[in-house]
Amino acid sequence: MGKHIRMNTRMLTFLAAVLLAAGAPSFAQEPPPAPPAAASATASPPAPVAWSSLSPEQQRVLGSMSNQWGSLPPERQQALANGSKRWLAMSPDQQAQARDRFSHWQALPPDQRNALRDRWQRFQSLPPNERASVRQNYHRFRQLPPAQRQMLRQQWRSATPAQRQQMVEHAREQRAERTEHMQPRGGGRNPPPRSH
């Protein structure tokens, strides 16, 4: 029984790390814009998630939390519920990769984990279109050959903050150019007549 509880506690910690690491690309450098005052004033607090509303599979994954579930803040309940759904939707290979990432996460010094948490929070507060762009860039990066990824990582690590900012600006310009080339062009034709 003690081993089972220890395993559930590890699983819970693991799920939290998976949620943190999966969407936290390390190149989200700029602090997010402050939310508009009107939006934050009208935003309703997250609703609590009842333990009984979780599926039996989710309850199994989050088993060690059952006794304290009601005392968790609603946003934590929602994060854990969403994380358990995500975990259950993963293939065995994806779960193995997530376990590997979690092992790497546990080995990081506390200051690096805190920096990753901060980047994750900045990423989460970006507007949806910017988050999508960061994810797209991350997936594009993951498709590069390993040697090229390593070279880019090394360039980033050895760059000064000013050089990093230049890299970010250059990437934005390239993305804007790609987007511009994808837009349909008028080809010099007159615009269609307006109806009056």
Protein backbone atom coordinates (compact mmCIF):
# COMPACT_ATOMS: atom_id res chain seq x y z
CA MET A 1 0.00 0.00 0.00
CA GLY A 2 2.81 2.45 0.92
CA LYS A 3 4.51 1.73 -2.38
CA HIS A 4 1.22 2.45 -4.22
CA ILE A 5 0.81 5.82 -2.44
CA ARG A 6 4.44 6.70 -3.15
CA MET A 7 3.87 5.82 -6.82
CA ASN A 8 0.73 8.01 -6.96
CA THR A 9 2.63 10.91 -5.39
CA ARG A 10 5.36 10.46 -7.98
CA MET A 11 2.73 10.29 -10.70
CA LEU A 12 1.15 13.53 -9.49
CA THR A 13 4.50 15.29 -9.42
CA PHE A 14 5.23 13.78 -12.80
CA LEU A 15 1.97 15.05 -14.27
CA ALA A 16 2.69 18.54 -13.01
CA ALA A 17 6.13 18.44 -14.61
CA VAL A 18 4.73 17.09 -17.88
CA LEU A 19 2.27 19.95 -18.00
CA LEU A 20 5.05 22.38 -17.25
CA ALA A 21 7.63 20.96 -19.63
CA ALA A 22 5.42 20.03 -22.55
CA GLY A 23 4.36 23.53 -23.37
CA ALA A 24 7.29 25.54 -22.10
CA PRO A 25 9.59 26.17 -25.02
CA SER A 26 12.71 27.82 -23.71
CA PHE A 27 12.73 30.54 -26.34
CA ALA A 28 9.75 32.47 -25.00
CA GLN A 29 11.92 35.37 -23.82
CA GLU A 30 9.84 38.48 -23.62
CA PRO A 31 7.65 39.17 -20.63
CA PRO A 32 3.98 39.01 -21.50
CA PRO A 33 1.98 42.17 -21.90
CA ALA A 34 -0.01 43.15 -18.86
CA PRO A 35 -3.64 42.07 -19.16
CA PRO A 36 -6.07 44.91 -19.71
CA ALA A 37 -7.57 46.13 -16.45
CA ALA A 38 -11.12 45.66 -17.71
CA ALA A 39 -10.49 42.05 -18.74
CA SER A 40 -8.96 41.08 -15.40
CA ALA A 41 -11.71 42.83 -13.47
CA THR A 42 -14.46 40.95 -15.31
CA ALA A 43 -12.81 37.54 -15.41
CA SER A 44 -14.61 35.09 -13.18
CA PRO A 45 -12.58 32.83 -10.89
CA PRO A 46 -12.17 29.23 -12.05
CA ALA A 47 -14.86 26.82 -10.91
CA PRO A 48 -13.90 24.00 -8.54
CA VAL A 49 -13.74 20.48 -9.98
CA ALA A 50 -15.60 17.87 -7.95
CA TRP A 51 -13.67 14.65 -7.35
CA SER A 52 -16.78 12.73 -8.35
CA SER A 53 -16.79 14.48 -11.75
CA LEU A 54 -13.46 12.87 -12.64
CA SER A 55 -13.55 9.64 -14.60
CA PRO A 56 -12.50 6.45 -12.79
CA GLU A 57 -9.26 6.49 -14.83
CA GLN A 58 -8.51 10.06 -13.78
CA GLN A 59 -9.24 9.18 -10.15
CA ARG A 60 -6.80 6.27 -10.45
CA VAL A 61 -4.06 8.53 -11.85
CA LEU A 62 -4.71 11.19 -9.20
CA GLY A 63 -5.46 8.69 -6.42
CA SER A 64 -3.08 10.15 -3.87
CA MET A 65 -4.93 13.48 -4.12
CA SER A 66 -8.38 12.14 -3.22
CA ASN A 67 -8.18 13.03 0.50
CA GLN A 68 -6.98 16.59 -0.08
CA TRP A 69 -8.81 17.30 -3.38
CA GLY A 70 -11.48 19.47 -1.79
CA SER A 71 -8.89 21.71 -0.16
CA LEU A 72 -6.97 22.41 -3.38
CA PRO A 73 -7.53 25.75 -5.11
CA PRO A 74 -9.91 25.43 -8.11
CA GLU A 75 -7.19 26.37 -10.62
CA ARG A 76 -4.98 23.57 -9.24
CA GLN A 77 -7.89 21.11 -9.47
CA GLN A 78 -8.48 22.11 -13.09
CA ALA A 79 -4.78 21.82 -13.94
CA LEU A 80 -4.59 18.35 -12.39
CA ALA A 81 -7.81 17.21 -14.05
CA ASN A 82 -6.59 18.43 -17.44
CA GLY A 83 -3.17 16.88 -16.85
CA SER A 84 -4.68 13.52 -16.01
CA LYS A 85 -6.79 13.62 -19.20
CA ARG A 86 -3.70 14.44 -21.17
CA TRP A 87 -1.74 11.63 -19.53
CA LEU A 88 -4.48 9.11 -20.25
CA ALA A 89 -4.61 10.20 -23.90
CA MET A 90 -0.88 9.55 -24.39
CA SER A 91 0.39 6.45 -26.12
CA PRO A 92 2.80 4.21 -24.16
CA ASP A 93 5.69 5.72 -26.16
CA GLN A 94 4.57 9.24 -25.30
CA GLN A 95 4.25 8.29 -21.64
CA ALA A 96 7.79 6.86 -21.73
CA GLN A 97 9.09 10.09 -23.28
CA ALA A 98 7.24 12.09 -20.65
CA ARG A 99 8.79 9.95 -17.90
CA ASP A 100 12.22 10.66 -19.38
CA ARG A 101 11.51 14.39 -19.43
CA PHE A 102 10.34 14.18 -15.83
CA SER A 103 13.55 12.42 -14.80
CA HIS A 104 15.49 15.20 -16.49
CA TRP A 105 13.27 17.77 -14.73
CA GLN A 106 13.93 16.21 -11.32
CA ALA A 107 17.68 16.34 -11.94
CA LEU A 108 17.63 20.09 -12.62
CA PRO A 109 18.80 22.46 -9.90
CA PRO A 110 15.98 24.43 -8.22
CA ASP A 111 16.98 27.70 -9.91
CA GLN A 112 16.64 26.14 -13.37
CA ARG A 113 13.26 24.65 -12.46
CA ASN A 114 12.11 28.06 -11.23
CA ALA A 115 13.30 29.67 -14.48
CA LEU A 116 11.34 27.06 -16.47
CA ARG A 117 8.23 27.72 -14.36
CA ASP A 118 8.58 31.45 -15.02
CA ARG A 119 8.90 30.86 -18.78
CA TRP A 120 5.88 28.57 -18.69
CA GLN A 121 3.82 31.22 -16.91
CA ARG A 122 4.92 33.88 -19.43
CA PHE A 123 4.05 31.48 -22.26
CA GLN A 124 0.61 30.78 -20.77
CA SER A 125 -0.17 34.50 -20.54
CA LEU A 126 0.62 35.14 -24.22
CA PRO A 127 -2.32 35.74 -26.56
CA PRO A 128 -3.50 32.51 -28.25
CA ASN A 129 -2.05 33.44 -31.66
CA GLU A 130 1.41 34.03 -30.14
CA ARG A 131 1.25 30.75 -28.21
CA ALA A 132 0.36 28.99 -31.46
CA SER A 133 3.32 30.65 -33.17
CA VAL A 134 5.70 29.58 -30.40
CA ARG A 135 4.40 26.00 -30.62
CA GLN A 136 4.77 26.02 -34.39
CA ASN A 137 8.36 27.24 -34.10
CA TYR A 138 9.07 24.60 -31.47
CA HIS A 139 7.71 21.82 -33.71
CA ARG A 140 9.72 23.19 -36.64
CA PHE A 141 12.83 23.16 -34.41
CA ARG A 142 12.16 19.54 -33.34
CA GLN A 143 12.08 18.48 -37.00
CA LEU A 144 15.60 19.76 -37.64
CA PRO A 145 18.46 17.23 -37.70
CA PRO A 146 19.98 16.71 -34.21
CA ALA A 147 23.30 18.31 -35.20
CA GLN A 148 21.54 21.46 -36.38
CA ARG A 149 19.40 21.64 -33.22
CA GLN A 150 22.54 21.32 -31.10
CA MET A 151 24.29 24.06 -33.09
CA LEU A 152 21.31 26.40 -32.65
CA ARG A 153 21.12 25.63 -28.92
CA GLN A 154 24.81 26.42 -28.55
CA GLN A 155 24.43 29.69 -30.48
CA TRP A 156 21.53 30.67 -28.22
CA ARG A 157 23.35 29.76 -25.01
CA SER A 158 26.49 31.66 -25.96
CA ALA A 159 24.61 34.77 -27.14
CA THR A 160 24.31 37.90 -25.03
CA PRO A 161 20.82 39.15 -24.14
CA ALA A 162 21.12 41.79 -26.90
CA GLN A 163 22.13 39.14 -29.43
CA ARG A 164 19.23 36.95 -28.32
CA GLN A 165 16.86 39.85 -28.83
CA GLN A 166 18.27 40.32 -32.34
CA MET A 167 17.73 36.60 -33.03
CA VAL A 168 14.12 36.88 -31.88
CA GLU A 169 13.54 39.97 -34.03
CA HIS A 170 15.14 38.27 -37.04
CA ALA A 171 12.89 35.23 -36.57
CA ARG A 172 9.83 37.50 -36.38
CA GLU A 173 10.85 39.26 -39.58
CA GLN A 174 11.31 35.94 -41.35
CA ARG A 175 7.92 34.74 -40.14
CA ALA A 176 6.28 37.98 -41.33
CA GLU A 177 7.94 37.57 -44.73
CA ARG A 178 6.73 33.97 -45.00
CA THR A 179 3.23 35.07 -44.05
CA GLU A 180 3.34 37.93 -46.56
CA HIS A 181 4.39 35.58 -49.37
CA MET A 182 1.49 33.30 -48.55
CA GLN A 183 -1.08 36.13 -48.85
CA PRO A 184 -2.96 36.31 -52.17
CA ARG A 185 -1.78 39.21 -54.26
CA GLY A 186 -3.92 41.50 -56.32
CA GLY A 187 -1.49 41.30 -59.25
CA GLY A 188 -1.99 44.96 -60.11
CA ARG A 189 -5.66 44.52 -60.89
CA ASN A 190 -8.22 47.06 -59.85
CA PRO A 191 -10.14 46.23 -56.69
CA PRO A 192 -13.65 44.87 -57.24
CA PRO A 193 -16.30 47.59 -57.50
CA ARG A 194 -18.06 48.45 -54.28
CA SER A 195 -21.79 48.10 -54.07
CA HIS A 196 -23.57 51.27 -53.04
